[in-house]
Amino acid sequence: MRRREERGPPAGAGLIRYFSEEGEGVKISPRLVLYFTIGFILFEVLLRFVGPQLLGF
């Protein structure tokens, strides 16, 4: 007797199957994203206090 293939749930049921294949694109580590975010926040805080003097506001 032939075994049945196991199938995942239908896509129309709102469930999506994700495969382990990674697409092309830029690969950025989470640590680098965290460093850029912290640096951007510090830059914004610095501009908040020093910006008006530099820009003449």
PDB file of N, CA and C in Angstrom:
ATOM      1  N   MET A   1       0.827  -1.164   0.000  1.00  0.00           N
ATOM      2  CA  MET A   1       0.000   0.000   0.000  1.00  0.00           C
ATOM      3  C   MET A   1       0.889   1.250   0.000  1.00  0.00           C
ATOM      4  N   ARG A   2       0.522   2.234  -0.788  1.00  0.00           N
ATOM      5  CA  ARG A   2       1.303   3.448  -0.929  1.00  0.00           C
ATOM      6  C   ARG A   2       0.993   4.423   0.207  1.00  0.00           C
ATOM      7  N   ARG A   3       2.060   5.028   0.743  1.00  0.00           N
ATOM      8  CA  ARG A   3       1.855   5.996   1.825  1.00  0.00           C
ATOM      9  C   ARG A   3       1.454   7.341   1.249  1.00  0.00           C
ATOM     10  N   ARG A   4       0.640   8.054   1.956  1.00  0.00           N
ATOM     11  CA  ARG A   4       0.225   9.394   1.522  1.00  0.00           C
ATOM     12  C   ARG A   4       1.312  10.414   1.849  1.00  0.00           C
ATOM     13  N   GLU A   5       1.404  11.418   1.001  1.00  0.00           N
ATOM     14  CA  GLU A   5       2.323  12.514   1.281  1.00  0.00           C
ATOM     15  C   GLU A   5       1.686  13.419   2.319  1.00  0.00           C
ATOM     16  N   GLU A   6       2.518  13.875   3.244  1.00  0.00           N
ATOM     17  CA  GLU A   6       1.996  14.818   4.223  1.00  0.00           C
ATOM     18  C   GLU A   6       1.998  16.197   3.594  1.00  0.00           C
ATOM     19  N   ARG A   7       0.909  16.865   3.697  1.00  0.00           N
ATOM     20  CA  ARG A   7       0.790  18.218   3.166  1.00  0.00           C
ATOM     21  C   ARG A   7       0.561  19.180   4.316  1.00  0.00           C
ATOM     22  N   GLY A   8       1.015  20.403   4.125  1.00  0.00           N
ATOM     23  CA  GLY A   8       0.785  21.429   5.130  1.00  0.00           C
ATOM     24  C   GLY A   8      -0.617  21.988   4.987  1.00  0.00           C
ATOM     25  N   PRO A   9      -0.968  22.877   5.838  1.00  0.00           N
ATOM     26  CA  PRO A   9      -2.289  23.485   5.753  1.00  0.00           C
ATOM     27  C   PRO A   9      -2.408  24.331   4.490  1.00  0.00           C
ATOM     28  N   PRO A  10      -3.597  24.492   3.971  1.00  0.00           N
ATOM     29  CA  PRO A  10      -3.756  25.319   2.765  1.00  0.00           C
ATOM     30  C   PRO A  10      -3.424  26.778   3.055  1.00  0.00           C
ATOM     31  N   ALA A  11      -2.857  27.436   2.066  1.00  0.00           N
ATOM     32  CA  ALA A  11      -2.463  28.836   2.246  1.00  0.00           C
ATOM     33  C   ALA A  11      -3.677  29.729   2.428  1.00  0.00           C
ATOM     34  N   GLY A  12      -4.799  29.318   1.928  1.00  0.00           N
ATOM     35  CA  GLY A  12      -6.006  30.119   2.067  1.00  0.00           C
ATOM     36  C   GLY A  12      -6.558  30.142   3.477  1.00  0.00           C
ATOM     37  N   ALA A  13      -6.053  29.304   4.351  1.00  0.00           N
ATOM     38  CA  ALA A  13      -6.531  29.264   5.732  1.00  0.00           C
ATOM     39  C   ALA A  13      -5.825  30.295   6.600  1.00  0.00           C
ATOM     40  N   GLY A  14      -4.973  31.115   6.013  1.00  0.00           N
ATOM     41  CA  GLY A  14      -4.259  32.136   6.766  1.00  0.00           C
ATOM     42  C   GLY A  14      -2.940  31.654   7.343  1.00  0.00           C
ATOM     43  N   LEU A  15      -2.569  30.430   7.043  1.00  0.00           N
ATOM     44  CA  LEU A  15      -1.307  29.896   7.536  1.00  0.00           C
ATOM     45  C   LEU A  15      -0.322  29.819   6.382  1.00  0.00           C
ATOM     46  N   ILE A  16       0.899  30.248   6.646  1.00  0.00           N
ATOM     47  CA  ILE A  16       1.911  30.297   5.594  1.00  0.00           C
ATOM     48  C   ILE A  16       3.070  29.404   6.008  1.00  0.00           C
ATOM     49  N   ARG A  17       3.590  28.658   5.071  1.00  0.00           N
ATOM     50  CA  ARG A  17       4.771  27.834   5.337  1.00  0.00           C
ATOM     51  C   ARG A  17       6.012  28.612   4.915  1.00  0.00           C
ATOM     52  N   TYR A  18       6.981  28.677   5.799  1.00  0.00           N
ATOM     53  CA  TYR A  18       8.230  29.353   5.497  1.00  0.00           C
ATOM     54  C   TYR A  18       9.316  28.308   5.301  1.00  0.00           C
ATOM     55  N   PHE A  19      10.118  28.515   4.297  1.00  0.00           N
ATOM     56  CA  PHE A  19      11.210  27.605   4.014  1.00  0.00           C
ATOM     57  C   PHE A  19      12.503  28.219   4.527  1.00  0.00           C
ATOM     58  N   SER A  20      13.496  27.410   4.715  1.00  0.00           N
ATOM     59  CA  SER A  20      14.751  27.891   5.294  1.00  0.00           C
ATOM     60  C   SER A  20      15.653  28.570   4.266  1.00  0.00           C
ATOM     61  N   GLU A  21      15.217  28.693   3.044  1.00  0.00           N
ATOM     62  CA  GLU A  21      16.037  29.356   2.037  1.00  0.00           C
ATOM     63  C   GLU A  21      16.079  30.844   2.323  1.00  0.00           C
ATOM     64  N   GLU A  22      17.274  31.393   2.239  1.00  0.00           N
ATOM     65  CA  GLU A  22      17.426  32.824   2.430  1.00  0.00           C
ATOM     66  C   GLU A  22      17.581  33.470   1.068  1.00  0.00           C
ATOM     67  N   GLY A  23      16.897  34.563   0.874  1.00  0.00           N
ATOM     68  CA  GLY A  23      16.976  35.271  -0.387  1.00  0.00           C
ATOM     69  C   GLY A  23      18.219  36.131  -0.464  1.00  0.00           C
ATOM     70  N   GLU A  24      18.415  36.688  -1.626  1.00  0.00           N
ATOM     71  CA  GLU A  24      19.540  37.587  -1.828  1.00  0.00           C
ATOM     72  C   GLU A  24      19.257  38.892  -1.101  1.00  0.00           C
ATOM     73  N   GLY A  25      20.303  39.582  -0.738  1.00  0.00           N
ATOM     74  CA  GLY A  25      20.133  40.874  -0.088  1.00  0.00           C
ATOM     75  C   GLY A  25      21.283  41.156   0.859  1.00  0.00           C
ATOM     76  N   VAL A  26      21.195  42.316   1.464  1.00  0.00           N
ATOM     77  CA  VAL A  26      22.226  42.746   2.391  1.00  0.00           C
ATOM     78  C   VAL A  26      22.028  42.013   3.712  1.00  0.00           C
ATOM     79  N   LYS A  27      23.087  41.473   4.238  1.00  0.00           N
ATOM     80  CA  LYS A  27      23.034  40.771   5.512  1.00  0.00           C
ATOM     81  C   LYS A  27      23.643  41.674   6.585  1.00  0.00           C
ATOM     82  N   ILE A  28      22.849  42.057   7.570  1.00  0.00           N
ATOM     83  CA  ILE A  28      23.302  42.918   8.655  1.00  0.00           C
ATOM     84  C   ILE A  28      23.035  42.188   9.964  1.00  0.00           C
ATOM     85  N   SER A  29      24.027  42.161  10.810  1.00  0.00           N
ATOM     86  CA  SER A  29      23.856  41.469  12.089  1.00  0.00           C
ATOM     87  C   SER A  29      22.967  42.304  13.012  1.00  0.00           C
ATOM     88  N   PRO A  30      22.231  41.667  13.891  1.00  0.00           N
ATOM     89  CA  PRO A  30      21.387  42.406  14.836  1.00  0.00           C
ATOM     90  C   PRO A  30      22.192  43.335  15.738  1.00  0.00           C
ATOM     91  N   ARG A  31      23.417  42.937  16.065  1.00  0.00           N
ATOM     92  CA  ARG A  31      24.256  43.790  16.912  1.00  0.00           C
ATOM     93  C   ARG A  31      24.588  45.103  16.196  1.00  0.00           C
ATOM     94  N   LEU A  32      24.853  45.041  14.902  1.00  0.00           N
ATOM     95  CA  LEU A  32      25.154  46.246  14.139  1.00  0.00           C
ATOM     96  C   LEU A  32      23.938  47.165  14.069  1.00  0.00           C
ATOM     97  N   VAL A  33      22.759  46.600  13.903  1.00  0.00           N
ATOM     98  CA  VAL A  33      21.532  47.402  13.894  1.00  0.00           C
ATOM     99  C   VAL A  33      21.351  48.090  15.239  1.00  0.00           C
ATOM    100  N   LEU A  34      21.630  47.388  16.322  1.00  0.00           N
ATOM    101  CA  LEU A  34      21.519  47.966  17.656  1.00  0.00           C
ATOM    102  C   LEU A  34      22.501  49.118  17.833  1.00  0.00           C
ATOM    103  N   TYR A  35      23.744  48.942  17.375  1.00  0.00           N
ATOM    104  CA  TYR A  35      24.743  50.003  17.487  1.00  0.00           C
ATOM    105  C   TYR A  35      24.344  51.235  16.678  1.00  0.00           C
ATOM    106  N   PHE A  36      23.846  51.038  15.466  1.00  0.00           N
ATOM    107  CA  PHE A  36      23.407  52.174  14.659  1.00  0.00           C
ATOM    108  C   PHE A  36      22.235  52.894  15.317  1.00  0.00           C
ATOM    109  N   THR A  37      21.320  52.153  15.913  1.00  0.00           N
ATOM    110  CA  THR A  37      20.166  52.760  16.563  1.00  0.00           C
ATOM    111  C   THR A  37      20.591  53.590  17.767  1.00  0.00           C
ATOM    112  N   ILE A  38      21.461  53.036  18.595  1.00  0.00           N
ATOM    113  CA  ILE A  38      21.946  53.778  19.762  1.00  0.00           C
ATOM    114  C   ILE A  38      22.730  55.007  19.320  1.00  0.00           C
ATOM    115  N   GLY A  39      23.553  54.871  18.293  1.00  0.00           N
ATOM    116  CA  GLY A  39      24.301  56.014  17.775  1.00  0.00           C
ATOM    117  C   GLY A  39      23.394  57.099  17.225  1.00  0.00           C
ATOM    118  N   PHE A  40      22.332  56.701  16.544  1.00  0.00           N
ATOM    119  CA  PHE A  40      21.392  57.679  16.001  1.00  0.00           C
ATOM    120  C   PHE A  40      20.661  58.410  17.124  1.00  0.00           C
ATOM    121  N   ILE A  41      20.274  57.692  18.167  1.00  0.00           N
ATOM    122  CA  ILE A  41      19.599  58.327  19.306  1.00  0.00           C
ATOM    123  C   ILE A  41      20.534  59.313  19.993  1.00  0.00           C
ATOM    124  N   LEU A  42      21.792  58.927  20.189  1.00  0.00           N
ATOM    125  CA  LEU A  42      22.754  59.842  20.803  1.00  0.00           C
ATOM    126  C   LEU A  42      22.992  61.072  19.935  1.00  0.00           C
ATOM    127  N   PHE A  43      23.033  60.884  18.625  1.00  0.00           N
ATOM    128  CA  PHE A  43      23.189  62.005  17.704  1.00  0.00           C
ATOM    129  C   PHE A  43      22.005  62.964  17.801  1.00  0.00           C
ATOM    130  N   GLU A  44      20.800  62.428  17.900  1.00  0.00           N
ATOM    131  CA  GLU A  44      19.604  63.264  18.032  1.00  0.00           C
ATOM    132  C   GLU A  44      19.611  64.044  19.347  1.00  0.00           C
ATOM    133  N   VAL A  45      20.019  63.396  20.430  1.00  0.00           N
ATOM    134  CA  VAL A  45      20.089  64.081  21.725  1.00  0.00           C
ATOM    135  C   VAL A  45      21.141  65.178  21.672  1.00  0.00           C
ATOM    136  N   LEU A  46      22.264  64.906  21.054  1.00  0.00           N
ATOM    137  CA  LEU A  46      23.313  65.912  20.907  1.00  0.00           C
ATOM    138  C   LEU A  46      22.817  67.100  20.090  1.00  0.00           C
ATOM    139  N   LEU A  47      22.118  66.840  19.005  1.00  0.00           N
ATOM    140  CA  LEU A  47      21.577  67.931  18.198  1.00  0.00           C
ATOM    141  C   LEU A  47      20.530  68.737  18.949  1.00  0.00           C
ATOM    142  N   ARG A  48      19.812  68.082  19.842  1.00  0.00           N
ATOM    143  CA  ARG A  48      18.786  68.779  20.624  1.00  0.00           C
ATOM    144  C   ARG A  48      19.402  69.890  21.461  1.00  0.00           C
ATOM    145  N   PHE A  49      20.602  69.653  21.990  1.00  0.00           N
ATOM    146  CA  PHE A  49      21.232  70.637  22.859  1.00  0.00           C
ATOM    147  C   PHE A  49      22.216  71.542  22.128  1.00  0.00           C
ATOM    148  N   VAL A  50      22.927  71.035  21.151  1.00  0.00           N
ATOM    149  CA  VAL A  50      23.967  71.804  20.465  1.00  0.00           C
ATOM    150  C   VAL A  50      23.472  72.332  19.122  1.00  0.00           C
ATOM    151  N   GLY A  51      22.458  71.735  18.559  1.00  0.00           N
ATOM    152  CA  GLY A  51      21.964  72.096  17.240  1.00  0.00           C
ATOM    153  C   GLY A  51      21.554  73.548  17.071  1.00  0.00           C
ATOM    154  N   PRO A  52      20.784  74.111  18.014  1.00  0.00           N
ATOM    155  CA  PRO A  52      20.389  75.515  17.844  1.00  0.00           C
ATOM    156  C   PRO A  52      21.579  76.469  17.769  1.00  0.00           C
ATOM    157  N   GLN A  53      22.646  76.183  18.501  1.00  0.00           N
ATOM    158  CA  GLN A  53      23.828  77.044  18.442  1.00  0.00           C
ATOM    159  C   GLN A  53      24.542  76.896  17.101  1.00  0.00           C
ATOM    160  N   LEU A  54      24.590  75.678  16.587  1.00  0.00           N
ATOM    161  CA  LEU A  54      25.274  75.440  15.318  1.00  0.00           C
ATOM    162  C   LEU A  54      24.486  75.989  14.138  1.00  0.00           C
ATOM    163  N   LEU A  55      23.171  75.864  14.195  1.00  0.00           N
ATOM    164  CA  LEU A  55      22.336  76.273  13.072  1.00  0.00           C
ATOM    165  C   LEU A  55      21.827  77.703  13.192  1.00  0.00           C
ATOM    166  N   GLY A  56      22.070  78.357  14.326  1.00  0.00           N
ATOM    167  CA  GLY A  56      21.673  79.745  14.495  1.00  0.00           C
ATOM    168  C   GLY A  56      20.199  79.933  14.816  1.00  0.00           C
ATOM    169  N   PHE A  57      19.589  78.989  15.462  1.00  0.00           N
ATOM    170  CA  PHE A  57      18.169  79.121  15.831  1.00  0.00           C
ATOM    171  C   PHE A  57      18.038  79.825  17.138  1.00  0.00           C
TER     172      PHE A  57
END
